[in-house]
Amino acid sequence: REIICDQLELSEDDVTLDAVLTDVGAD
């Protein structure tokens, strides 16, 4: 979660186990 939040500039609340990578903005 820390890696993804840093890379995509997201809050920890946006990064859950069920979150789809493309839905959180990962291309």
PDB file of all heavy atoms in Angstrom:
ATOM      1  N   ARG A   1       0.839  -1.208   0.000  1.00  0.00           N
ATOM      2  CA  ARG A   1       0.000   0.000   0.000  1.00  0.00           C
ATOM      3  C   ARG A   1       0.867   1.249   0.000  1.00  0.00           C
ATOM      4  O   ARG A   1       0.576   2.214  -0.714  1.00  0.00           O
ATOM      5  CB  ARG A   1      -0.941  -0.009   1.201  1.00  0.00           C
ATOM      6  CG  ARG A   1      -1.829   1.222   1.244  1.00  0.00           C
ATOM      7  CD  ARG A   1      -2.898   1.152   2.273  1.00  0.00           C
ATOM      8  NE  ARG A   1      -2.360   0.824   3.574  1.00  0.00           N
ATOM      9  CZ  ARG A   1      -3.095   0.441   4.609  1.00  0.00           C
ATOM     10  NH1 ARG A   1      -4.395   0.332   4.477  1.00  0.00           N
ATOM     11  NH2 ARG A   1      -2.535   0.167   5.760  1.00  0.00           N
ATOM     12  N   GLU A   2       1.948   1.256   0.757  1.00  0.00           N
ATOM     13  CA  GLU A   2       2.851   2.405   0.775  1.00  0.00           C
ATOM     14  C   GLU A   2       3.447   2.655  -0.603  1.00  0.00           C
ATOM     15  O   GLU A   2       3.523   3.801  -1.052  1.00  0.00           O
ATOM     16  CB  GLU A   2       3.972   2.178   1.787  1.00  0.00           C
ATOM     17  CG  GLU A   2       3.540   2.270   3.228  1.00  0.00           C
ATOM     18  CD  GLU A   2       4.687   1.979   4.186  1.00  0.00           C
ATOM     19  OE1 GLU A   2       5.857   2.200   3.812  1.00  0.00           O
ATOM     20  OE2 GLU A   2       4.408   1.523   5.300  1.00  0.00           O
ATOM     21  N   ILE A   3       3.869   1.576  -1.260  1.00  0.00           N
ATOM     22  CA  ILE A   3       4.444   1.705  -2.603  1.00  0.00           C
ATOM     23  C   ILE A   3       3.416   2.302  -3.559  1.00  0.00           C
ATOM     24  O   ILE A   3       3.710   3.244  -4.303  1.00  0.00           O
ATOM     25  CB  ILE A   3       4.925   0.331  -3.121  1.00  0.00           C
ATOM     26  CG1 ILE A   3       6.150  -0.128  -2.327  1.00  0.00           C
ATOM     27  CG2 ILE A   3       5.238   0.380  -4.611  1.00  0.00           C
ATOM     28  CD1 ILE A   3       6.545  -1.575  -2.587  1.00  0.00           C
ATOM     29  N   ILE A   4       2.208   1.753  -3.553  1.00  0.00           N
ATOM     30  CA  ILE A   4       1.168   2.215  -4.473  1.00  0.00           C
ATOM     31  C   ILE A   4       0.769   3.655  -4.168  1.00  0.00           C
ATOM     32  O   ILE A   4       0.610   4.468  -5.079  1.00  0.00           O
ATOM     33  CB  ILE A   4      -0.046   1.269  -4.442  1.00  0.00           C
ATOM     34  CG1 ILE A   4       0.355  -0.097  -5.022  1.00  0.00           C
ATOM     35  CG2 ILE A   4      -1.225   1.859  -5.205  1.00  0.00           C
ATOM     36  CD1 ILE A   4      -0.688  -1.177  -4.854  1.00  0.00           C
ATOM     37  N   CYS A   5       0.640   3.983  -2.908  1.00  0.00           N
ATOM     38  CA  CYS A   5       0.289   5.366  -2.537  1.00  0.00           C
ATOM     39  C   CYS A   5       1.361   6.340  -2.998  1.00  0.00           C
ATOM     40  O   CYS A   5       1.043   7.420  -3.507  1.00  0.00           O
ATOM     41  CB  CYS A   5       0.090   5.471  -1.027  1.00  0.00           C
ATOM     42  SG  CYS A   5      -1.437   4.733  -0.434  1.00  0.00           S
ATOM     43  N   ASP A   6       2.624   5.966  -2.825  1.00  0.00           N
ATOM     44  CA  ASP A   6       3.713   6.838  -3.265  1.00  0.00           C
ATOM     45  C   ASP A   6       3.736   6.994  -4.780  1.00  0.00           C
ATOM     46  O   ASP A   6       3.874   8.104  -5.291  1.00  0.00           O
ATOM     47  CB  ASP A   6       5.066   6.291  -2.796  1.00  0.00           C
ATOM     48  CG  ASP A   6       5.280   6.457  -1.301  1.00  0.00           C
ATOM     49  OD1 ASP A   6       4.550   7.247  -0.663  1.00  0.00           O
ATOM     50  OD2 ASP A   6       6.179   5.782  -0.756  1.00  0.00           O
ATOM     51  N   GLN A   7       3.587   5.872  -5.500  1.00  0.00           N
ATOM     52  CA  GLN A   7       3.669   5.902  -6.962  1.00  0.00           C
ATOM     53  C   GLN A   7       2.501   6.665  -7.587  1.00  0.00           C
ATOM     54  O   GLN A   7       2.680   7.380  -8.565  1.00  0.00           O
ATOM     55  CB  GLN A   7       3.684   4.476  -7.521  1.00  0.00           C
ATOM     56  CG  GLN A   7       4.898   3.672  -7.166  1.00  0.00           C
ATOM     57  CD  GLN A   7       6.102   4.007  -8.024  1.00  0.00           C
ATOM     58  OE1 GLN A   7       5.979   4.496  -9.136  1.00  0.00           O
ATOM     59  NE2 GLN A   7       7.276   3.749  -7.493  1.00  0.00           N
ATOM     60  N   LEU A   8       1.314   6.465  -7.043  1.00  0.00           N
ATOM     61  CA  LEU A   8       0.108   7.041  -7.658  1.00  0.00           C
ATOM     62  C   LEU A   8      -0.424   8.257  -6.919  1.00  0.00           C
ATOM     63  O   LEU A   8      -1.470   8.793  -7.295  1.00  0.00           O
ATOM     64  CB  LEU A   8      -0.990   5.968  -7.744  1.00  0.00           C
ATOM     65  CG  LEU A   8      -0.636   4.719  -8.547  1.00  0.00           C
ATOM     66  CD1 LEU A   8      -1.786   3.723  -8.506  1.00  0.00           C
ATOM     67  CD2 LEU A   8      -0.280   5.073  -9.979  1.00  0.00           C
ATOM     68  N   GLU A   9       0.279   8.665  -5.865  1.00  0.00           N
ATOM     69  CA  GLU A   9      -0.127   9.821  -5.060  1.00  0.00           C
ATOM     70  C   GLU A   9      -1.561   9.679  -4.562  1.00  0.00           C
ATOM     71  O   GLU A   9      -2.407  10.557  -4.754  1.00  0.00           O
ATOM     72  CB  GLU A   9       0.068  11.108  -5.848  1.00  0.00           C
ATOM     73  CG  GLU A   9       1.512  11.353  -6.238  1.00  0.00           C
ATOM     74  CD  GLU A   9       1.721  12.615  -7.045  1.00  0.00           C
ATOM     75  OE1 GLU A   9       0.747  13.341  -7.325  1.00  0.00           O
ATOM     76  OE2 GLU A   9       2.875  12.881  -7.403  1.00  0.00           O
ATOM     77  N   LEU A  10      -1.827   8.535  -3.922  1.00  0.00           N
ATOM     78  CA  LEU A  10      -3.144   8.236  -3.371  1.00  0.00           C
ATOM     79  C   LEU A  10      -3.104   8.264  -1.854  1.00  0.00           C
ATOM     80  O   LEU A  10      -2.038   8.130  -1.250  1.00  0.00           O
ATOM     81  CB  LEU A  10      -3.598   6.839  -3.819  1.00  0.00           C
ATOM     82  CG  LEU A  10      -3.748   6.605  -5.310  1.00  0.00           C
ATOM     83  CD1 LEU A  10      -3.978   5.129  -5.576  1.00  0.00           C
ATOM     84  CD2 LEU A  10      -4.899   7.428  -5.858  1.00  0.00           C
ATOM     85  N   SER A  11      -4.269   8.380  -1.246  1.00  0.00           N
ATOM     86  CA  SER A  11      -4.344   8.230   0.198  1.00  0.00           C
ATOM     87  C   SER A  11      -4.489   6.744   0.513  1.00  0.00           C
ATOM     88  O   SER A  11      -4.921   5.947  -0.337  1.00  0.00           O
ATOM     89  CB  SER A  11      -5.531   9.000   0.776  1.00  0.00           C
ATOM     90  OG  SER A  11      -6.737   8.335   0.483  1.00  0.00           O
ATOM     91  N   GLU A  12      -4.132   6.347   1.711  1.00  0.00           N
ATOM     92  CA  GLU A  12      -4.220   4.940   2.104  1.00  0.00           C
ATOM     93  C   GLU A  12      -5.660   4.428   2.027  1.00  0.00           C
ATOM     94  O   GLU A  12      -5.881   3.250   1.807  1.00  0.00           O
ATOM     95  CB  GLU A  12      -3.643   4.731   3.497  1.00  0.00           C
ATOM     96  CG  GLU A  12      -2.139   4.857   3.526  1.00  0.00           C
ATOM     97  CD  GLU A  12      -1.535   4.482   4.868  1.00  0.00           C
ATOM     98  OE1 GLU A  12      -2.299   4.191   5.820  1.00  0.00           O
ATOM     99  OE2 GLU A  12      -0.306   4.479   4.964  1.00  0.00           O
ATOM    100  N   ASP A  13      -6.633   5.293   2.202  1.00  0.00           N
ATOM    101  CA  ASP A  13      -8.040   4.892   2.126  1.00  0.00           C
ATOM    102  C   ASP A  13      -8.432   4.409   0.731  1.00  0.00           C
ATOM    103  O   ASP A  13      -9.360   3.617   0.578  1.00  0.00           O
ATOM    104  CB  ASP A  13      -8.957   6.041   2.538  1.00  0.00           C
ATOM    105  CG  ASP A  13      -8.807   6.419   4.003  1.00  0.00           C
ATOM    106  OD1 ASP A  13      -8.374   5.560   4.796  1.00  0.00           O
ATOM    107  OD2 ASP A  13      -9.118   7.575   4.338  1.00  0.00           O
ATOM    108  N   ASP A  14      -7.723   4.891  -0.296  1.00  0.00           N
ATOM    109  CA  ASP A  14      -8.030   4.510  -1.675  1.00  0.00           C
ATOM    110  C   ASP A  14      -7.484   3.133  -2.044  1.00  0.00           C
ATOM    111  O   ASP A  14      -7.898   2.542  -3.033  1.00  0.00           O
ATOM    112  CB  ASP A  14      -7.447   5.531  -2.664  1.00  0.00           C
ATOM    113  CG  ASP A  14      -8.078   6.899  -2.518  1.00  0.00           C
ATOM    114  OD1 ASP A  14      -9.285   6.962  -2.210  1.00  0.00           O
ATOM    115  OD2 ASP A  14      -7.368   7.902  -2.710  1.00  0.00           O
ATOM    116  N   VAL A  15      -6.530   2.642  -1.256  1.00  0.00           N
ATOM    117  CA  VAL A  15      -5.828   1.402  -1.588  1.00  0.00           C
ATOM    118  C   VAL A  15      -6.315   0.292  -0.657  1.00  0.00           C
ATOM    119  O   VAL A  15      -5.901   0.198   0.495  1.00  0.00           O
ATOM    120  CB  VAL A  15      -4.297   1.587  -1.479  1.00  0.00           C
ATOM    121  CG1 VAL A  15      -3.582   0.301  -1.850  1.00  0.00           C
ATOM    122  CG2 VAL A  15      -3.851   2.736  -2.370  1.00  0.00           C
ATOM    123  N   THR A  16      -7.219  -0.528  -1.187  1.00  0.00           N
ATOM    124  CA  THR A  16      -7.761  -1.661  -0.443  1.00  0.00           C
ATOM    125  C   THR A  16      -7.468  -2.942  -1.219  1.00  0.00           C
ATOM    126  O   THR A  16      -7.099  -2.898  -2.395  1.00  0.00           O
ATOM    127  CB  THR A  16      -9.285  -1.532  -0.254  1.00  0.00           C
ATOM    128  OG1 THR A  16      -9.905  -1.592  -1.547  1.00  0.00           O
ATOM    129  CG2 THR A  16      -9.650  -0.225   0.438  1.00  0.00           C
ATOM    130  N   LEU A  17      -7.643  -4.069  -0.571  1.00  0.00           N
ATOM    131  CA  LEU A  17      -7.399  -5.353  -1.239  1.00  0.00           C
ATOM    132  C   LEU A  17      -8.303  -5.551  -2.445  1.00  0.00           C
ATOM    133  O   LEU A  17      -7.912  -6.174  -3.426  1.00  0.00           O
ATOM    134  CB  LEU A  17      -7.580  -6.511  -0.255  1.00  0.00           C
ATOM    135  CG  LEU A  17      -6.488  -6.660   0.799  1.00  0.00           C
ATOM    136  CD1 LEU A  17      -6.881  -7.714   1.818  1.00  0.00           C
ATOM    137  CD2 LEU A  17      -5.160  -7.015   0.149  1.00  0.00           C
ATOM    138  N   ASP A  18      -9.512  -5.016  -2.388  1.00  0.00           N
ATOM    139  CA  ASP A  18     -10.476  -5.184  -3.470  1.00  0.00           C
ATOM    140  C   ASP A  18     -10.353  -4.133  -4.571  1.00  0.00           C
ATOM    141  O   ASP A  18     -11.022  -4.239  -5.600  1.00  0.00           O
ATOM    142  CB  ASP A  18     -11.902  -5.148  -2.921  1.00  0.00           C
ATOM    143  CG  ASP A  18     -12.184  -6.307  -1.985  1.00  0.00           C
ATOM    144  OD1 ASP A  18     -11.608  -7.393  -2.186  1.00  0.00           O
ATOM    145  OD2 ASP A  18     -12.979  -6.123  -1.050  1.00  0.00           O
ATOM    146  N   ALA A  19      -9.513  -3.131  -4.355  1.00  0.00           N
ATOM    147  CA  ALA A  19      -9.385  -2.049  -5.335  1.00  0.00           C
ATOM    148  C   ALA A  19      -8.767  -2.581  -6.630  1.00  0.00           C
ATOM    149  O   ALA A  19      -7.763  -3.286  -6.616  1.00  0.00           O
ATOM    150  CB  ALA A  19      -8.537  -0.914  -4.775  1.00  0.00           C
ATOM    151  N   VAL A  20      -9.389  -2.235  -7.748  1.00  0.00           N
ATOM    152  CA  VAL A  20      -8.872  -2.612  -9.063  1.00  0.00           C
ATOM    153  C   VAL A  20      -7.793  -1.603  -9.440  1.00  0.00           C
ATOM    154  O   VAL A  20      -7.993  -0.395  -9.317  1.00  0.00           O
ATOM    155  CB  VAL A  20     -10.015  -2.628 -10.104  1.00  0.00           C
ATOM    156  CG1 VAL A  20      -9.484  -2.910 -11.496  1.00  0.00           C
ATOM    157  CG2 VAL A  20     -11.075  -3.644  -9.702  1.00  0.00           C
ATOM    158  N   LEU A  21      -6.649  -2.119  -9.879  1.00  0.00           N
ATOM    159  CA  LEU A  21      -5.511  -1.244 -10.149  1.00  0.00           C
ATOM    160  C   LEU A  21      -5.836  -0.140 -11.145  1.00  0.00           C
ATOM    161  O   LEU A  21      -5.446   1.011 -10.945  1.00  0.00           O
ATOM    162  CB  LEU A  21      -4.324  -2.077 -10.631  1.00  0.00           C
ATOM    163  CG  LEU A  21      -3.677  -2.931  -9.539  1.00  0.00           C
ATOM    164  CD1 LEU A  21      -2.802  -4.009 -10.145  1.00  0.00           C
ATOM    165  CD2 LEU A  21      -2.872  -2.049  -8.602  1.00  0.00           C
ATOM    166  N   THR A  22      -6.556  -0.466 -12.201  1.00  0.00           N
ATOM    167  CA  THR A  22      -6.884   0.574 -13.183  1.00  0.00           C
ATOM    168  C   THR A  22      -7.877   1.586 -12.618  1.00  0.00           C
ATOM    169  O   THR A  22      -7.880   2.739 -13.032  1.00  0.00           O
ATOM    170  CB  THR A  22      -7.431  -0.038 -14.483  1.00  0.00           C
ATOM    171  OG1 THR A  22      -8.537  -0.883 -14.175  1.00  0.00           O
ATOM    172  CG2 THR A  22      -6.360  -0.832 -15.214  1.00  0.00           C
ATOM    173  N   ASP A  23      -8.696   1.169 -11.674  1.00  0.00           N
ATOM    174  CA  ASP A  23      -9.661   2.087 -11.062  1.00  0.00           C
ATOM    175  C   ASP A  23      -8.997   3.097 -10.132  1.00  0.00           C
ATOM    176  O   ASP A  23      -9.560   4.153  -9.873  1.00  0.00           O
ATOM    177  CB  ASP A  23     -10.749   1.326 -10.297  1.00  0.00           C
ATOM    178  CG  ASP A  23     -11.712   0.594 -11.225  1.00  0.00           C
ATOM    179  OD1 ASP A  23     -11.663   0.841 -12.456  1.00  0.00           O
ATOM    180  OD2 ASP A  23     -12.489  -0.233 -10.723  1.00  0.00           O
ATOM    181  N   VAL A  24      -7.819   2.749  -9.599  1.00  0.00           N
ATOM    182  CA  VAL A  24      -7.116   3.697  -8.737  1.00  0.00           C
ATOM    183  C   VAL A  24      -6.123   4.541  -9.533  1.00  0.00           C
ATOM    184  O   VAL A  24      -5.347   5.289  -8.969  1.00  0.00           O
ATOM    185  CB  VAL A  24      -6.403   2.998  -7.546  1.00  0.00           C
ATOM    186  CG1 VAL A  24      -7.401   2.373  -6.614  1.00  0.00           C
ATOM    187  CG2 VAL A  24      -5.368   1.996  -8.018  1.00  0.00           C
ATOM    188  N   GLY A  25      -6.186   4.409 -10.860  1.00  0.00           N
ATOM    189  CA  GLY A  25      -5.404   5.291 -11.716  1.00  0.00           C
ATOM    190  C   GLY A  25      -4.102   4.723 -12.243  1.00  0.00           C
ATOM    191  O   GLY A  25      -3.290   5.465 -12.787  1.00  0.00           O
ATOM    192  N   ALA A  26      -3.875   3.426 -12.102  1.00  0.00           N
ATOM    193  CA  ALA A  26      -2.633   2.830 -12.578  1.00  0.00           C
ATOM    194  C   ALA A  26      -2.749   2.483 -14.060  1.00  0.00           C
ATOM    195  O   ALA A  26      -3.592   1.689 -14.441  1.00  0.00           O
ATOM    196  CB  ALA A  26      -2.314   1.575 -11.772  1.00  0.00           C
ATOM    197  N   ASP A  27      -1.906   3.107 -14.881  1.00  0.00           N
ATOM    198  CA  ASP A  27      -1.845   2.712 -16.288  1.00  0.00           C
ATOM    199  C   ASP A  27      -0.682   1.737 -16.463  1.00  0.00           C
ATOM    200  O   ASP A  27      -0.038   1.345 -15.489  1.00  0.00           O
ATOM    201  CB  ASP A  27      -1.731   3.929 -17.203  1.00  0.00           C
ATOM    202  CG  ASP A  27      -0.465   4.747 -16.980  1.00  0.00           C
ATOM    203  OD1 ASP A  27       0.524   4.209 -16.419  1.00  0.00           O
ATOM    204  OD2 ASP A  27      -0.453   5.925 -17.365  1.00  0.00           O
TER     205      ASP A  27
END
